[in-house]
């Protein structure tokens, strides 16, 4: 009788895409945290900036449309994590620039 050793599960395509983007954002000096499940993955980048992905697309919130009372999202193909990282880095810079810290408060990510 052949006994098979249990193999660790392969990462999902969404997790692989999220890790590709995480490495690309690392090159911009932007730390992230990655979580996955149910066929999706999410990168926590900054307060108010989460990048979601599946096997095909990355998407993140870029603003709010008050007239339609809806969030506005940007998206990019998971085939281009470097270009996506550039776009996310621009949004990250905008959010950091608009955030003010009290004298006793430290930024969460450096």
N, C-alpha and C. Protein backbone atom coordinates (compact mmCIF):
# COMPACT_ATOMS: atom_id res chain seq x y z
N UNK A 1 0.85 -1.17 0.00
CA UNK A 1 0.00 0.00 0.00
C UNK A 1 0.89 1.24 0.00
N UNK A 2 0.60 2.16 -0.89
CA UNK A 2 1.35 3.40 -1.02
C UNK A 2 0.77 4.44 -0.08
N UNK A 3 1.62 5.00 0.76
CA UNK A 3 1.17 6.03 1.69
C UNK A 3 1.69 7.37 1.19
N UNK A 4 0.79 8.28 0.97
CA UNK A 4 1.15 9.61 0.46
C UNK A 4 1.36 10.55 1.64
N UNK A 5 2.42 11.30 1.57
CA UNK A 5 2.66 12.34 2.57
C UNK A 5 1.73 13.51 2.28
N UNK A 6 1.13 14.08 3.30
CA UNK A 6 0.28 15.25 3.04
C UNK A 6 1.12 16.40 2.49
N UNK A 7 0.60 17.04 1.49
CA UNK A 7 1.27 18.17 0.86
C UNK A 7 0.61 19.47 1.31
N UNK A 8 1.41 20.51 1.52
CA UNK A 8 0.78 21.79 1.86
C UNK A 8 -0.05 22.27 0.68
N UNK A 9 -1.15 22.93 0.96
CA UNK A 9 -1.99 23.41 -0.15
C UNK A 9 -1.25 24.45 -0.98
N UNK A 10 -1.51 24.43 -2.26
CA UNK A 10 -0.93 25.43 -3.15
C UNK A 10 -1.61 26.76 -2.90
N UNK A 11 -0.87 27.86 -3.00
CA UNK A 11 -1.52 29.16 -2.82
C UNK A 11 -2.53 29.40 -3.93
N UNK A 12 -3.60 30.07 -3.59
CA UNK A 12 -4.61 30.40 -4.59
C UNK A 12 -4.03 31.40 -5.58
N UNK A 13 -4.65 31.48 -6.75
CA UNK A 13 -4.20 32.46 -7.74
C UNK A 13 -4.34 33.87 -7.21
N UNK A 14 -5.38 34.11 -6.42
CA UNK A 14 -5.56 35.44 -5.83
C UNK A 14 -4.43 35.75 -4.85
N UNK A 15 -4.05 34.78 -4.04
CA UNK A 15 -2.96 34.99 -3.09
C UNK A 15 -1.65 35.22 -3.83
N UNK A 16 -1.39 34.47 -4.88
CA UNK A 16 -0.17 34.68 -5.67
C UNK A 16 -0.14 36.08 -6.27
N UNK A 17 -1.28 36.53 -6.79
CA UNK A 17 -1.36 37.88 -7.35
C UNK A 17 -1.12 38.93 -6.27
N UNK A 18 -1.70 38.71 -5.09
CA UNK A 18 -1.51 39.66 -3.99
C UNK A 18 -0.05 39.70 -3.55
N UNK A 19 0.60 38.56 -3.51
CA UNK A 19 2.01 38.52 -3.13
C UNK A 19 2.89 39.20 -4.18
N UNK A 20 2.53 39.06 -5.47
CA UNK A 20 3.27 39.77 -6.52
C UNK A 20 3.16 41.28 -6.31
N UNK A 21 1.96 41.75 -6.00
CA UNK A 21 1.77 43.18 -5.76
C UNK A 21 2.48 43.61 -4.48
N UNK A 22 2.46 42.77 -3.48
CA UNK A 22 3.15 43.08 -2.23
C UNK A 22 4.65 43.30 -2.48
N UNK A 23 5.26 42.43 -3.29
CA UNK A 23 6.69 42.57 -3.60
C UNK A 23 6.94 43.86 -4.40
N UNK A 24 6.04 44.17 -5.32
CA UNK A 24 6.20 45.40 -6.11
C UNK A 24 6.05 46.64 -5.22
N UNK A 25 5.13 46.61 -4.26
CA UNK A 25 4.97 47.74 -3.34
C UNK A 25 6.15 47.85 -2.39
N UNK A 26 6.76 46.72 -2.04
CA UNK A 26 7.98 46.75 -1.21
C UNK A 26 9.06 47.58 -1.89
N UNK A 27 9.16 47.49 -3.21
CA UNK A 27 10.17 48.26 -3.95
C UNK A 27 9.88 49.76 -3.90
N UNK A 28 8.65 50.13 -3.58
CA UNK A 28 8.29 51.54 -3.38
C UNK A 28 8.46 51.94 -1.91
N UNK A 29 8.86 51.00 -1.08
CA UNK A 29 9.01 51.27 0.34
C UNK A 29 7.69 51.29 1.09
N UNK A 30 6.69 50.62 0.53
CA UNK A 30 5.35 50.60 1.13
C UNK A 30 5.09 49.22 1.74
N UNK A 31 5.02 49.14 3.07
CA UNK A 31 4.74 47.85 3.70
C UNK A 31 3.26 47.50 3.59
N UNK A 32 2.97 46.22 3.44
CA UNK A 32 1.59 45.76 3.34
C UNK A 32 1.41 44.48 4.13
N UNK A 33 0.16 44.14 4.37
CA UNK A 33 -0.21 42.89 5.00
C UNK A 33 -1.18 42.19 4.06
N UNK A 34 -0.98 40.90 3.81
CA UNK A 34 -1.81 40.15 2.87
C UNK A 34 -2.62 39.10 3.60
N UNK A 35 -3.90 39.01 3.25
CA UNK A 35 -4.79 37.96 3.76
C UNK A 35 -5.59 37.42 2.60
N UNK A 36 -5.97 36.15 2.68
CA UNK A 36 -6.75 35.57 1.59
C UNK A 36 -7.79 34.59 2.13
N UNK A 37 -8.74 34.30 1.27
CA UNK A 37 -9.78 33.33 1.56
C UNK A 37 -10.94 33.48 0.60
N UNK A 38 -11.65 32.39 0.37
CA UNK A 38 -12.85 32.40 -0.47
C UNK A 38 -12.58 32.90 -1.89
N UNK A 39 -11.37 32.63 -2.41
CA UNK A 39 -11.05 33.00 -3.78
C UNK A 39 -10.61 34.44 -3.97
N UNK A 40 -10.50 35.20 -2.88
CA UNK A 40 -10.05 36.59 -2.95
C UNK A 40 -8.85 36.78 -2.04
N UNK A 41 -8.11 37.84 -2.28
CA UNK A 41 -7.03 38.24 -1.37
C UNK A 41 -7.13 39.75 -1.20
N UNK A 42 -6.63 40.24 -0.07
CA UNK A 42 -6.66 41.67 0.20
C UNK A 42 -5.32 42.09 0.78
N UNK A 43 -4.82 43.22 0.29
CA UNK A 43 -3.62 43.84 0.84
C UNK A 43 -4.05 45.05 1.65
N UNK A 44 -3.66 45.09 2.87
CA UNK A 44 -3.89 46.26 3.72
C UNK A 44 -2.68 47.16 3.56
N UNK A 45 -2.90 48.33 2.97
CA UNK A 45 -1.80 49.23 2.62
C UNK A 45 -1.71 50.39 3.60
N UNK A 46 -2.83 51.05 3.85
CA UNK A 46 -2.87 52.25 4.68
C UNK A 46 -4.30 52.42 5.15
N UNK A 47 -4.50 53.25 6.14
CA UNK A 47 -5.85 53.53 6.60
C UNK A 47 -6.68 54.05 5.43
N UNK A 48 -7.72 53.34 5.07
CA UNK A 48 -8.55 53.74 3.95
C UNK A 48 -8.06 53.22 2.60
N UNK A 49 -7.03 52.39 2.60
CA UNK A 49 -6.52 51.85 1.33
C UNK A 49 -6.31 50.34 1.44
N UNK A 50 -7.30 49.62 0.94
CA UNK A 50 -7.23 48.17 0.82
C UNK A 50 -7.23 47.84 -0.66
N UNK A 51 -6.38 46.93 -1.08
CA UNK A 51 -6.36 46.48 -2.47
C UNK A 51 -6.85 45.04 -2.48
N UNK A 52 -7.98 44.83 -3.13
CA UNK A 52 -8.57 43.50 -3.26
C UNK A 52 -8.11 42.89 -4.57
N UNK A 53 -8.08 41.57 -4.64
CA UNK A 53 -7.78 40.94 -5.93
C UNK A 53 -8.38 39.54 -5.99
N UNK A 54 -8.61 39.13 -7.23
CA UNK A 54 -8.95 37.75 -7.52
C UNK A 54 -7.88 37.27 -8.50
N UNK A 55 -8.17 36.29 -9.31
CA UNK A 55 -7.14 35.80 -10.23
C UNK A 55 -6.93 36.71 -11.44
N UNK A 56 -7.82 37.67 -11.67
CA UNK A 56 -7.73 38.52 -12.86
C UNK A 56 -7.46 39.99 -12.59
N UNK A 57 -8.02 40.53 -11.50
CA UNK A 57 -7.99 41.97 -11.28
C UNK A 57 -7.57 42.35 -9.87
N UNK A 58 -6.92 43.52 -9.78
CA UNK A 58 -6.73 44.24 -8.52
C UNK A 58 -7.73 45.38 -8.53
N UNK A 59 -8.32 45.74 -7.39
CA UNK A 59 -9.17 46.92 -7.32
C UNK A 59 -9.06 47.56 -5.94
N UNK A 60 -9.19 48.89 -5.93
CA UNK A 60 -9.08 49.66 -4.69
C UNK A 60 -9.94 50.91 -4.80
N UNK A 61 -10.39 51.38 -3.65
CA UNK A 61 -11.26 52.56 -3.60
C UNK A 61 -10.41 53.82 -3.78
N UNK A 62 -10.90 54.72 -4.64
CA UNK A 62 -10.18 55.97 -4.90
C UNK A 62 -10.96 57.20 -4.47
N UNK A 63 -12.22 57.03 -4.12
CA UNK A 63 -12.99 58.20 -3.72
C UNK A 63 -14.44 57.84 -3.47
N UNK A 64 -15.24 58.90 -3.41
CA UNK A 64 -16.66 58.77 -3.11
C UNK A 64 -17.44 59.67 -4.04
N UNK A 65 -18.52 59.15 -4.62
CA UNK A 65 -19.41 59.94 -5.47
C UNK A 65 -20.63 60.30 -4.63
N UNK A 66 -20.68 61.53 -4.07
CA UNK A 66 -21.78 61.88 -3.17
C UNK A 66 -23.14 61.88 -3.87
N UNK A 67 -23.17 62.27 -5.14
CA UNK A 67 -24.45 62.31 -5.84
C UNK A 67 -25.07 60.91 -5.93
N UNK A 68 -24.27 59.94 -6.31
CA UNK A 68 -24.78 58.57 -6.41
C UNK A 68 -24.63 57.79 -5.12
N UNK A 69 -23.98 58.42 -4.12
CA UNK A 69 -23.73 57.78 -2.83
C UNK A 69 -23.07 56.42 -3.01
N UNK A 70 -21.98 56.43 -3.80
CA UNK A 70 -21.25 55.19 -4.10
C UNK A 70 -19.75 55.43 -4.05
N UNK A 71 -19.04 54.37 -3.75
CA UNK A 71 -17.58 54.42 -3.79
C UNK A 71 -17.12 54.39 -5.24
N UNK A 72 -16.00 55.03 -5.50
CA UNK A 72 -15.37 55.00 -6.82
C UNK A 72 -14.14 54.10 -6.69
N UNK A 73 -14.00 53.18 -7.63
CA UNK A 73 -12.90 52.23 -7.59
C UNK A 73 -12.02 52.35 -8.83
N UNK A 74 -10.74 52.09 -8.63
CA UNK A 74 -9.80 51.92 -9.74
C UNK A 74 -9.50 50.43 -9.83
N UNK A 75 -9.10 49.97 -10.99
CA UNK A 75 -8.75 48.56 -11.15
C UNK A 75 -7.60 48.43 -12.12
N UNK A 76 -6.93 47.29 -12.03
CA UNK A 76 -5.83 47.00 -12.95
C UNK A 76 -5.67 45.48 -13.04
N UNK A 77 -5.15 45.02 -14.14
CA UNK A 77 -4.96 43.59 -14.36
C UNK A 77 -3.88 43.02 -13.44
N UNK A 78 -4.10 41.80 -12.97
CA UNK A 78 -3.09 41.12 -12.15
C UNK A 78 -1.87 40.71 -12.98
N UNK A 79 -1.96 40.85 -14.30
CA UNK A 79 -0.80 40.57 -15.15
C UNK A 79 0.26 41.66 -15.05
N UNK A 80 -0.09 42.80 -14.44
CA UNK A 80 0.84 43.94 -14.34
C UNK A 80 0.97 44.44 -12.90
N UNK A 81 1.55 43.64 -12.01
CA UNK A 81 1.67 44.08 -10.62
C UNK A 81 2.58 45.30 -10.45
N UNK A 82 3.58 45.46 -11.31
CA UNK A 82 4.49 46.61 -11.17
C UNK A 82 3.75 47.91 -11.51
N UNK A 83 2.98 47.91 -12.58
CA UNK A 83 2.20 49.11 -12.93
C UNK A 83 1.11 49.37 -11.90
N UNK A 84 0.50 48.30 -11.40
CA UNK A 84 -0.50 48.46 -10.34
C UNK A 84 0.13 49.07 -9.11
N UNK A 85 1.33 48.60 -8.75
CA UNK A 85 2.03 49.13 -7.57
C UNK A 85 2.29 50.63 -7.72
N UNK A 86 2.63 51.06 -8.92
CA UNK A 86 2.85 52.49 -9.16
C UNK A 86 1.57 53.27 -8.90
N UNK A 87 0.45 52.78 -9.41
CA UNK A 87 -0.83 53.47 -9.21
C UNK A 87 -1.24 53.47 -7.74
N UNK A 88 -1.05 52.34 -7.06
CA UNK A 88 -1.39 52.26 -5.64
C UNK A 88 -0.47 53.18 -4.84
N UNK A 89 0.80 53.26 -5.22
CA UNK A 89 1.75 54.14 -4.53
C UNK A 89 1.32 55.60 -4.64
N UNK A 90 0.78 56.00 -5.78
CA UNK A 90 0.28 57.37 -5.93
C UNK A 90 -0.90 57.62 -5.00
N UNK A 91 -1.81 56.67 -4.90
CA UNK A 91 -2.95 56.81 -3.99
C UNK A 91 -2.48 56.84 -2.54
N UNK A 92 -1.53 55.99 -2.21
CA UNK A 92 -0.93 55.95 -0.87
C UNK A 92 -0.34 57.31 -0.51
N UNK A 93 0.40 57.91 -1.44
CA UNK A 93 1.00 59.22 -1.20
C UNK A 93 -0.08 60.27 -0.97
N UNK A 94 -1.16 60.23 -1.75
CA UNK A 94 -2.27 61.18 -1.56
C UNK A 94 -2.89 61.03 -0.18
N UNK A 95 -3.13 59.80 0.23
CA UNK A 95 -3.75 59.57 1.54
C UNK A 95 -2.82 59.99 2.68
N UNK A 96 -1.54 59.70 2.55
CA UNK A 96 -0.59 60.11 3.59
C UNK A 96 -0.49 61.62 3.67
N UNK A 97 -0.51 62.29 2.53
CA UNK A 97 -0.41 63.75 2.51
C UNK A 97 -1.63 64.40 3.14
N UNK A 98 -2.79 63.77 3.01
CA UNK A 98 -4.01 64.36 3.56
C UNK A 98 -4.22 64.00 5.03
N UNK A 99 -3.42 63.12 5.56
CA UNK A 99 -3.54 62.67 6.97
C UNK A 99 -2.67 63.55 7.85
N UNK A 100 -3.26 64.06 8.91
CA UNK A 100 -2.48 64.83 9.88
C UNK A 100 -2.36 64.02 11.16
N UNK A 101 -1.21 64.12 11.80
CA UNK A 101 -0.95 63.39 13.03
C UNK A 101 -0.83 64.36 14.18
N UNK A 102 -1.35 63.96 15.32
CA UNK A 102 -1.17 64.78 16.52
C UNK A 102 0.29 64.65 16.95
N UNK A 103 0.71 65.50 17.87
CA UNK A 103 2.11 65.47 18.31
C UNK A 103 2.47 64.16 18.98
N UNK A 104 1.51 63.48 19.56
CA UNK A 104 1.81 62.23 20.27
C UNK A 104 1.55 61.00 19.42
N UNK A 105 0.92 61.18 18.26
CA UNK A 105 0.57 60.05 17.42
C UNK A 105 1.67 59.78 16.40
N UNK A 106 2.01 58.53 16.23
CA UNK A 106 2.99 58.11 15.25
C UNK A 106 2.26 57.50 14.05
N UNK A 107 2.78 57.67 12.84
CA UNK A 107 2.19 56.96 11.71
C UNK A 107 2.32 55.45 11.91
N UNK A 108 1.29 54.70 11.50
CA UNK A 108 1.30 53.25 11.69
C UNK A 108 2.35 52.57 10.81
N UNK A 109 2.52 53.03 9.59
CA UNK A 109 3.48 52.43 8.65
C UNK A 109 4.51 53.47 8.27
N UNK A 110 5.72 53.05 8.19
CA UNK A 110 6.80 53.96 7.75
C UNK A 110 7.49 53.39 6.56
